[in-house]
Amino acid sequence: MNPLQKLQEDSLKNKDENTVAWSKKLVGKTFVDDGAEHNLSEDQVFRRKDLPKMHRVLGPDSMMTMDYRPERLNVRVDDSNKAKSVDFS
């Protein structure tokens, strides 16, 4: 295997591991903006400050740019702001 192939495989593996880790942290929880009041317990929510610097929270009808940024976390939420999935791009 050439060095470039190895680098690409390692990058994909890390991306998959990060996706799984963030999914476990966020999916099923409700997005609440920093400082916003809510009636949920803290273990049921996540806030913008809990996310990496490069992120997007995308609602069902959100428009987004199509630029590829492998380090950017995308959090997809439903109409009630509950996280449904995460990915990097």
Protein backbone atom coordinates (compact mmCIF):
# COMPACT_ATOMS: atom_id res chain seq x y z
CA MET A 1 0.00 0.00 0.00
CA ASN A 2 1.39 3.38 -0.91
CA PRO A 3 1.63 6.14 1.73
CA LEU A 4 -1.21 8.17 0.21
CA GLN A 5 -3.60 5.22 0.37
CA LYS A 6 -2.64 4.61 4.00
CA LEU A 7 -3.26 8.28 4.83
CA GLN A 8 -6.67 8.19 3.14
CA GLU A 9 -7.68 5.00 4.96
CA ASP A 10 -6.57 6.41 8.32
CA SER A 11 -8.50 9.61 7.63
CA LEU A 12 -11.69 7.67 6.83
CA LYS A 13 -11.29 5.52 9.93
CA ASN A 14 -10.88 8.60 12.15
CA LYS A 15 -13.88 10.25 10.50
CA ASP A 16 -16.02 7.17 11.15
CA GLU A 17 -14.87 6.97 14.78
CA ASN A 18 -15.63 10.68 15.29
CA THR A 19 -19.06 10.29 13.71
CA VAL A 20 -19.91 7.40 16.05
CA ALA A 21 -18.65 9.32 19.09
CA TRP A 22 -20.63 12.47 18.26
CA SER A 23 -23.73 10.38 17.44
CA LYS A 24 -23.61 8.83 20.91
CA LYS A 25 -23.27 12.29 22.48
CA LEU A 26 -26.00 14.09 20.51
CA VAL A 27 -28.59 11.89 18.77
CA GLY A 28 -31.85 11.94 20.70
CA LYS A 29 -30.97 15.13 22.58
CA THR A 30 -32.53 18.52 21.94
CA PHE A 31 -30.49 21.47 20.66
CA VAL A 32 -30.84 24.55 22.87
CA ASP A 33 -28.95 27.74 22.03
CA ASP A 34 -26.48 28.97 24.65
CA GLY A 35 -28.25 30.87 27.40
CA ALA A 36 -31.75 29.86 26.28
CA GLU A 37 -34.18 28.67 28.93
CA HIS A 38 -35.87 25.28 28.62
CA ASN A 39 -37.91 22.77 30.61
CA LEU A 40 -35.69 19.74 29.92
CA SER A 41 -33.03 18.23 32.14
CA GLU A 42 -29.45 19.06 31.19
CA ASP A 43 -28.75 15.45 30.10
CA GLN A 44 -31.52 15.80 27.50
CA VAL A 45 -30.02 18.83 25.75
CA PHE A 46 -26.87 20.00 24.01
CA ARG A 47 -25.81 23.56 23.37
CA ARG A 48 -23.76 25.33 20.72
CA LYS A 49 -20.88 25.64 23.22
CA ASP A 50 -20.78 21.81 23.43
CA LEU A 51 -20.02 21.52 19.70
CA PRO A 52 -16.66 21.85 17.96
CA LYS A 53 -15.74 25.23 16.51
CA MET A 54 -16.50 24.03 12.96
CA HIS A 55 -20.13 22.90 13.05
CA ARG A 56 -23.59 23.44 11.58
CA VAL A 57 -26.97 22.66 13.11
CA LEU A 58 -29.31 21.91 10.22
CA GLY A 59 -33.09 21.82 10.46
CA PRO A 60 -35.36 19.92 8.06
CA ASP A 61 -35.56 22.78 5.56
CA SER A 62 -32.17 24.38 6.19
CA MET A 63 -30.21 25.60 3.22
CA MET A 64 -26.51 24.87 3.32
CA THR A 65 -23.40 25.41 1.28
CA MET A 66 -22.02 22.40 -0.54
CA ASP A 67 -18.36 23.09 0.20
CA TYR A 68 -16.65 20.03 1.62
CA ARG A 69 -14.96 20.51 4.98
CA PRO A 70 -14.09 17.14 6.49
CA GLU A 71 -13.51 18.69 9.93
CA ARG A 72 -17.00 20.30 10.08
CA LEU A 73 -19.62 18.54 12.20
CA ASN A 74 -23.14 18.63 10.77
CA VAL A 75 -25.92 18.01 13.27
CA ARG A 76 -29.29 17.35 11.66
CA VAL A 77 -32.30 18.16 13.84
CA ASP A 78 -36.04 17.70 13.38
CA ASP A 79 -38.77 20.34 13.77
CA SER A 80 -38.51 20.12 17.56
CA ASN A 81 -34.70 20.59 17.46
CA LYS A 82 -34.04 16.98 18.45
CA ALA A 83 -30.82 15.63 16.91
CA LYS A 84 -31.52 12.89 14.37
CA SER A 85 -28.07 12.33 12.86
CA VAL A 86 -24.54 13.67 12.60
CA ASP A 87 -21.87 13.57 9.93
CA PHE A 88 -18.74 15.38 8.88
CA SER A 89 -18.50 17.40 5.64
